[in-house]
Amino acid sequence: MARYVLNAYEKLATAKIADQFLKSHHTWEPLHQVDDIRAEAERLPLGVRQFLAASRAGEEAVIQVADLPLSENLVPTPPSWQIAEKEGAAHREELVLLLIASLLGDPFAWQNQQNGRLVHDVCPSKGQEASLTSASSETQLTLHTEDVFHTCRGDYVALMCLRNPDRVGTTVASLDSVTLPRSLREVLAQDRFLFYPDDSHVPQRETASGERAALDEREHERASVLFGPGEAPYLRIDADFTSPLPGDTEAEAALKECAELLRDSAERVVLEPGEAAFLDNYRVVHGRDVFTPRYDGTDRWLKRTSMVRDLRRTYVHTRARARVLG
């Protein structure tokens, strides 16, 4: 993991840039202001910019930036992302995240996630404790590639901690930490797997039983789990939303073994308030520990966005100059 801690001067300078930007823009509309934010990011302290440039070039799996400025009077953790959106919670923190993130890639949004917002709120929500989304708490979030189903999934997932009193861990694992036998690699590198949208993209059916929509009813892609450079392949997997081709027992066994090896090698990253982690979505999979929410305004609260290293990938896919994927 690559890590950078802002000193007092750098923290103050970053806060000043954020405050000046918000003062000069009467409303907070990150989707429309993101190009201006990218330009402002060039005013960030040199040390931060050099660190992020080197980390991007070196394809660091996990990049951490600590001691980012937080508002002194941070509002209570919202009970859901819907409330956070309605009340406009922590815009300054969203801007700080976007300033740092835009030095690594171009932030983008999903039309069907949190109303197409560029920055998401990650906080526990009542009634979602056992869901397979970031609103859950009392169920383990399985190690996964973010938005595993989509060709234009992000190169990075950015998580900025606003509050984490219970030290809830983000779990991460990479192929660097496991040994895959040659025979296993060969199977995983073939297009014998189906990748489906997770539940945050496909809302749960309104049924009396509350059962999730069947995976085979969702649009999906067929591809390989391992891809790219043969000596250091990239990874695409989500045990909950990846399956082998029907009847392919060899691919099924390979998928299960890979998921187990990653799970056994996983490490915990505990984010502190004012700390951001940028996870290379091609090199690591991530999840989250189980925790018990209080719903009293003190629960874990993160801001999240995804970035691509080349925004033209989304333009080609959507056939429009848009940062919102459908």
Protein backbone atom coordinates (compact mmCIF):
# COMPACT_ATOMS: atom_id res chain seq x y z
CA MET A 1 0.00 0.00 0.00
CA ALA A 2 1.20 3.49 -0.84
CA ARG A 3 0.42 6.11 1.81
CA TYR A 4 0.77 9.88 2.07
CA VAL A 5 0.00 11.97 5.15
CA LEU A 6 -0.62 15.68 4.65
CA ASN A 7 1.37 17.99 6.90
CA ALA A 8 -0.25 20.98 8.60
CA TYR A 9 0.54 23.34 5.73
CA GLU A 10 -0.78 20.95 3.07
CA LYS A 11 -3.96 20.33 5.04
CA LEU A 12 -4.61 24.05 5.44
CA ALA A 13 -3.87 24.72 1.76
CA THR A 14 -6.27 21.97 0.68
CA ALA A 15 -9.00 23.32 2.93
CA LYS A 16 -8.47 26.83 1.54
CA ILE A 17 -8.81 25.59 -2.06
CA ALA A 18 -12.04 23.79 -1.19
CA ASP A 19 -13.52 26.77 0.66
CA GLN A 20 -12.67 29.17 -2.15
CA PHE A 21 -14.25 26.88 -4.71
CA LEU A 22 -17.49 26.52 -2.75
CA LYS A 23 -17.62 30.28 -2.16
CA SER A 24 -17.24 31.02 -5.87
CA HIS A 25 -19.96 28.50 -6.83
CA HIS A 26 -23.31 29.38 -5.32
CA THR A 27 -24.71 25.85 -5.66
CA TRP A 28 -23.04 22.47 -5.33
CA GLU A 29 -23.47 20.57 -8.61
CA PRO A 30 -20.47 18.25 -8.89
CA LEU A 31 -21.55 16.64 -12.17
CA HIS A 32 -21.54 20.05 -13.83
CA GLN A 33 -18.51 21.35 -11.95
CA VAL A 34 -16.22 18.35 -12.20
CA ASP A 35 -14.06 19.85 -14.97
CA ASP A 36 -13.55 22.98 -12.88
CA ILE A 37 -12.68 20.76 -9.91
CA ARG A 38 -10.05 18.98 -11.98
CA ALA A 39 -8.48 22.32 -12.89
CA GLU A 40 -8.49 23.40 -9.23
CA ALA A 41 -6.75 20.15 -8.27
CA GLU A 42 -3.60 21.48 -9.95
CA ARG A 43 -3.42 24.00 -7.09
CA LEU A 44 -3.08 21.24 -4.50
CA PRO A 45 0.31 21.02 -2.75
CA LEU A 46 3.10 19.67 -4.94
CA GLY A 47 3.90 16.76 -2.64
CA VAL A 48 0.36 15.37 -2.89
CA ARG A 49 0.31 15.71 -6.67
CA GLN A 50 3.70 14.03 -7.09
CA PHE A 51 2.68 11.16 -4.79
CA LEU A 52 -0.53 10.50 -6.71
CA ALA A 53 1.21 10.74 -10.09
CA ALA A 54 3.82 8.20 -9.00
CA SER A 55 1.19 5.90 -7.49
CA ARG A 56 -0.87 5.97 -10.67
CA ALA A 57 2.15 5.27 -12.88
CA GLY A 58 3.25 2.42 -10.61
CA GLU A 59 -0.26 0.93 -10.51
CA GLU A 60 -0.24 0.79 -6.73
CA ALA A 61 -3.04 -1.53 -5.58
CA VAL A 62 -4.14 0.60 -2.62
CA ILE A 63 -3.35 4.31 -2.39
CA GLN A 64 -4.03 6.14 0.87
CA VAL A 65 -4.07 9.87 1.57
CA ALA A 66 -4.46 10.77 5.24
CA ASP A 67 -5.18 13.89 7.30
CA LEU A 68 -7.43 15.51 4.71
CA PRO A 69 -9.47 18.46 6.05
CA LEU A 70 -12.87 17.76 7.60
CA SER A 71 -15.45 20.28 8.72
CA GLU A 72 -15.18 21.05 12.44
CA ASN A 73 -18.94 20.79 12.85
CA LEU A 74 -19.60 17.68 10.81
CA VAL A 75 -23.30 16.85 10.77
CA PRO A 76 -24.50 13.53 12.25
CA THR A 77 -24.24 10.44 10.09
CA PRO A 78 -27.42 10.36 7.98
CA PRO A 79 -29.73 7.33 8.38
CA SER A 80 -29.65 6.67 4.63
CA TRP A 81 -28.18 8.02 1.42
CA GLN A 82 -31.61 9.40 0.51
CA ILE A 83 -31.57 11.62 3.61
CA ALA A 84 -27.98 12.63 2.89
CA GLU A 85 -28.97 13.68 -0.63
CA LYS A 86 -32.03 15.57 0.57
CA GLU A 87 -30.19 17.45 3.31
CA GLY A 88 -27.06 18.12 1.25
CA ALA A 89 -24.75 16.64 3.84
CA ALA A 90 -20.98 17.24 3.78
CA HIS A 91 -20.55 18.98 0.43
CA ARG A 92 -17.14 20.25 1.48
CA GLU A 93 -15.94 16.70 2.11
CA GLU A 94 -17.31 15.61 -1.27
CA LEU A 95 -15.29 18.38 -2.91
CA VAL A 96 -12.10 17.41 -1.06
CA LEU A 97 -12.53 13.82 -2.23
CA LEU A 98 -13.12 14.91 -5.84
CA LEU A 99 -10.09 17.21 -5.78
CA ILE A 100 -7.81 14.37 -4.73
CA ALA A 101 -9.56 11.73 -6.86
CA SER A 102 -9.34 13.76 -10.06
CA LEU A 103 -5.55 13.58 -9.92
CA LEU A 104 -5.81 9.79 -10.36
CA GLY A 105 -8.71 9.56 -12.81
CA ASP A 106 -12.00 10.97 -14.02
CA PRO A 107 -14.94 10.52 -11.62
CA PHE A 108 -18.18 9.20 -13.12
CA ALA A 109 -21.64 8.15 -11.94
CA TRP A 110 -24.27 5.46 -12.51
CA GLN A 111 -27.76 6.53 -13.50
CA ASN A 112 -29.37 3.83 -11.34
CA GLN A 113 -27.20 4.31 -8.24
CA GLN A 114 -28.15 6.96 -5.68
CA ASN A 115 -30.05 8.98 -8.28
CA GLY A 116 -27.04 9.36 -10.54
CA ARG A 117 -24.97 11.26 -7.97
CA LEU A 118 -21.25 11.64 -8.61
CA VAL A 119 -20.39 11.07 -4.95
CA HIS A 120 -22.24 8.45 -2.92
CA ASP A 121 -22.93 8.27 0.80
CA VAL A 122 -21.95 4.96 2.40
CA CYS A 123 -23.81 4.63 5.69
CA PRO A 124 -25.95 1.93 7.33
CA SER A 125 -29.68 2.09 6.62
CA LYS A 126 -32.53 0.59 8.63
CA GLY A 127 -34.06 -2.38 6.91
CA GLN A 128 -30.92 -2.92 4.79
CA GLU A 129 -28.80 -4.60 7.47
CA ALA A 130 -28.58 -7.91 5.57
CA SER A 131 -28.58 -6.56 2.00
CA LEU A 132 -25.70 -7.09 -0.42
CA THR A 133 -25.14 -3.34 -0.80
CA SER A 134 -23.10 -0.68 0.97
CA ALA A 135 -26.17 0.20 3.06
CA SER A 136 -25.80 -3.11 4.91
CA SER A 137 -24.08 -3.64 8.23
CA GLU A 138 -24.86 -6.99 9.86
CA THR A 139 -23.76 -9.10 6.92
CA GLN A 140 -20.26 -9.42 5.50
CA LEU A 141 -19.74 -7.70 2.17
CA THR A 142 -18.01 -10.35 0.07
CA LEU A 143 -14.75 -9.42 -1.62
CA HIS A 144 -15.66 -8.08 -5.04
CA THR A 145 -14.68 -6.06 -8.06
CA GLU A 146 -16.78 -2.90 -8.03
CA ASP A 147 -19.49 -3.00 -10.71
CA VAL A 148 -18.10 -6.32 -11.90
CA PHE A 149 -20.72 -6.69 -14.63
CA HIS A 150 -19.78 -3.69 -16.75
CA THR A 151 -17.10 -3.07 -19.36
CA CYS A 152 -16.79 0.54 -18.19
CA ARG A 153 -16.45 -0.25 -14.49
CA GLY A 154 -14.09 2.10 -12.70
CA ASP A 155 -10.33 1.76 -12.63
CA TYR A 156 -10.44 3.08 -9.06
CA VAL A 157 -12.94 3.08 -6.22
CA ALA A 158 -12.42 6.01 -3.87
CA LEU A 159 -13.51 5.87 -0.22
CA MET A 160 -13.14 8.86 2.10
CA CYS A 161 -13.86 8.37 5.78
CA LEU A 162 -15.87 11.02 7.61
CA ARG A 163 -16.64 8.94 10.70
CA ASN A 164 -15.65 5.45 11.87
CA PRO A 165 -15.80 5.22 15.68
CA ASP A 166 -16.08 1.42 15.71
CA ARG A 167 -13.05 1.00 13.44
CA VAL A 168 -15.01 -1.00 10.89
CA GLY A 169 -12.55 -2.51 8.45
CA THR A 170 -12.53 -2.44 4.66
CA THR A 171 -11.20 -5.81 3.52
CA VAL A 172 -8.88 -5.97 0.51
CA ALA A 173 -7.14 -8.78 -1.35
CA SER A 174 -5.05 -9.04 -4.50
CA LEU A 175 -3.47 -11.68 -6.68
CA ASP A 176 -0.08 -10.56 -5.34
CA SER A 177 -0.98 -12.26 -2.05
CA VAL A 178 -2.03 -15.63 -3.45
CA THR A 179 -0.45 -18.40 -5.49
CA LEU A 180 -2.63 -19.62 -8.32
CA PRO A 181 -1.60 -22.93 -9.89
CA ARG A 182 -0.98 -22.75 -13.63
CA SER A 183 -3.98 -24.99 -14.37
CA LEU A 184 -6.23 -22.70 -12.34
CA ARG A 185 -4.91 -19.59 -14.09
CA GLU A 186 -5.59 -21.14 -17.48
CA VAL A 187 -9.25 -21.75 -16.66
CA LEU A 188 -9.75 -18.33 -15.10
CA ALA A 189 -8.22 -16.64 -18.16
CA GLN A 190 -10.87 -18.08 -20.49
CA ASP A 191 -14.27 -16.55 -21.31
CA ARG A 192 -16.17 -19.13 -19.27
CA PHE A 193 -17.83 -16.81 -16.74
CA LEU A 194 -20.91 -14.61 -16.55
CA PHE A 195 -20.89 -11.30 -14.68
CA TYR A 196 -24.15 -9.85 -13.37
CA PRO A 197 -25.22 -6.47 -11.91
CA ASP A 198 -25.23 -6.40 -8.13
CA ASP A 199 -28.28 -5.43 -6.09
CA SER A 200 -27.38 -1.74 -6.02
CA HIS A 201 -27.93 -1.67 -9.78
CA VAL A 202 -31.01 -3.90 -9.83
CA PRO A 203 -33.50 -2.99 -7.06
CA GLN A 204 -34.96 -5.82 -5.03
CA ARG A 205 -38.29 -7.08 -6.35
CA GLU A 206 -41.40 -5.91 -4.64
CA THR A 207 -42.55 -9.36 -3.57
CA ALA A 208 -44.14 -10.69 -0.43
CA SER A 209 -41.21 -13.04 0.10
CA GLY A 210 -38.62 -10.30 -0.44
CA GLU A 211 -36.51 -12.60 -2.64
CA ARG A 212 -33.96 -11.01 -4.95
CA ALA A 213 -34.46 -11.07 -8.69
CA ALA A 214 -32.81 -14.15 -10.18
CA LEU A 215 -29.37 -13.50 -11.65
CA ASP A 216 -30.23 -15.11 -14.97
CA GLU A 217 -32.95 -12.47 -15.44
CA ARG A 218 -30.38 -9.68 -15.40
CA GLU A 219 -28.35 -8.38 -18.30
CA HIS A 220 -24.80 -9.67 -18.07
CA GLU A 221 -21.43 -9.98 -19.76
CA ARG A 222 -19.46 -13.09 -20.61
CA ALA A 223 -15.73 -12.78 -20.03
CA SER A 224 -12.76 -14.14 -18.08
CA VAL A 225 -11.86 -13.66 -14.42
CA LEU A 226 -8.20 -13.01 -15.26
CA PHE A 227 -7.24 -10.75 -18.15
CA GLY A 228 -4.49 -8.46 -19.39
CA PRO A 229 -0.74 -9.03 -18.89
CA GLY A 230 0.02 -12.73 -18.56
CA GLU A 231 2.79 -12.24 -15.98
CA ALA A 232 0.69 -9.90 -13.81
CA PRO A 233 -2.98 -10.30 -14.79
CA TYR A 234 -5.82 -8.07 -13.75
CA LEU A 235 -8.76 -9.47 -11.79
CA ARG A 236 -12.54 -9.41 -12.23
CA ILE A 237 -14.61 -11.33 -9.68
CA ASP A 238 -17.56 -11.08 -7.33
CA ALA A 239 -18.53 -14.42 -5.83
CA ASP A 240 -22.12 -13.25 -5.32
CA PHE A 241 -22.58 -11.97 -8.87
CA THR A 242 -20.26 -14.14 -10.98
CA SER A 243 -21.11 -17.61 -12.22
CA PRO A 244 -19.61 -20.16 -14.62
CA LEU A 245 -21.28 -20.97 -17.88
CA PRO A 246 -24.14 -23.41 -17.28
CA GLY A 247 -22.82 -26.96 -16.88
CA ASP A 248 -19.14 -25.92 -16.78
CA THR A 249 -18.08 -27.73 -13.60
CA GLU A 250 -14.37 -27.02 -14.16
CA ALA A 251 -15.00 -23.27 -14.33
CA GLU A 252 -17.27 -23.53 -11.28
CA ALA A 253 -14.52 -25.20 -9.24
CA ALA A 254 -11.92 -22.67 -10.43
CA LEU A 255 -14.14 -19.74 -9.48
CA LYS A 256 -14.74 -21.18 -6.01
CA GLU A 257 -11.04 -21.88 -5.42
CA CYS A 258 -10.03 -18.39 -6.53
CA ALA A 259 -12.61 -16.76 -4.26
CA GLU A 260 -11.44 -18.85 -1.31
CA LEU A 261 -7.76 -18.03 -1.87
CA LEU A 262 -8.55 -14.32 -2.01
CA ARG A 263 -10.71 -14.52 1.10
CA ASP A 264 -7.98 -16.31 3.06
CA SER A 265 -5.38 -13.69 2.08
CA ALA A 266 -7.53 -10.63 2.75
CA GLU A 267 -6.21 -7.75 4.86
CA ARG A 268 -8.14 -5.12 6.79
CA VAL A 269 -7.80 -1.40 6.07
CA VAL A 270 -9.32 0.69 8.86
CA LEU A 271 -9.95 4.20 7.59
CA GLU A 272 -9.77 7.07 10.06
CA PRO A 273 -11.71 10.35 9.69
CA GLY A 274 -10.03 12.49 7.04
CA GLU A 275 -8.42 9.49 5.34
CA ALA A 276 -9.13 8.40 1.77
CA ALA A 277 -8.31 5.10 0.11
CA PHE A 278 -8.17 4.63 -3.65
CA LEU A 279 -8.54 0.97 -4.54
CA ASP A 280 -7.30 -0.15 -7.96
CA ASN A 281 -10.40 -1.96 -9.20
CA TYR A 282 -8.34 -4.05 -11.64
CA ARG A 283 -5.78 -5.17 -9.07
CA VAL A 284 -7.69 -5.63 -5.81
CA VAL A 285 -11.07 -6.79 -4.64
CA HIS A 286 -12.64 -5.28 -1.56
CA GLY A 287 -15.37 -5.90 0.99
CA ARG A 288 -16.40 -4.78 4.48
CA ASP A 289 -16.53 -6.16 8.01
CA VAL A 290 -19.75 -6.86 9.87
CA PHE A 291 -20.79 -4.23 12.43
CA THR A 292 -23.79 -3.32 14.54
CA PRO A 293 -25.26 0.09 13.67
CA ARG A 294 -26.72 2.41 16.31
CA TYR A 295 -28.63 4.79 14.02
CA ASP A 296 -27.88 7.62 16.43
CA GLY A 297 -25.81 9.84 14.14
CA THR A 298 -22.46 8.35 15.14
CA ASP A 299 -22.25 5.38 12.74
CA ARG A 300 -19.58 4.80 10.12
CA TRP A 301 -19.91 7.24 7.23
CA LEU A 302 -17.89 7.29 4.02
CA LYS A 303 -18.06 9.25 0.80
CA ARG A 304 -17.47 7.18 -2.35
CA THR A 305 -16.86 7.75 -6.03
CA SER A 306 -15.49 5.73 -8.95
CA MET A 307 -12.97 6.91 -11.52
CA VAL A 308 -11.71 5.81 -14.92
CA ARG A 309 -8.21 6.49 -16.12
CA ASP A 310 -9.59 7.43 -19.56
CA LEU A 311 -12.99 9.11 -19.64
CA ARG A 312 -13.29 8.42 -23.35
CA ARG A 313 -14.10 4.81 -22.46
CA THR A 314 -17.43 6.00 -21.09
CA TYR A 315 -17.97 8.37 -24.01
CA VAL A 316 -17.52 5.50 -26.47
CA HIS A 317 -19.85 3.26 -24.49
CA THR A 318 -22.63 5.82 -24.03
CA ARG A 319 -22.05 7.50 -27.42
CA ALA A 320 -22.28 10.82 -25.63
CA ARG A 321 -19.98 13.13 -23.68
CA ALA A 322 -21.56 12.09 -20.41
CA ARG A 323 -20.16 10.97 -17.07
CA VAL A 324 -23.33 9.08 -16.13
CA LEU A 325 -23.59 5.46 -17.21
CA GLY A 326 -26.98 3.81 -17.63
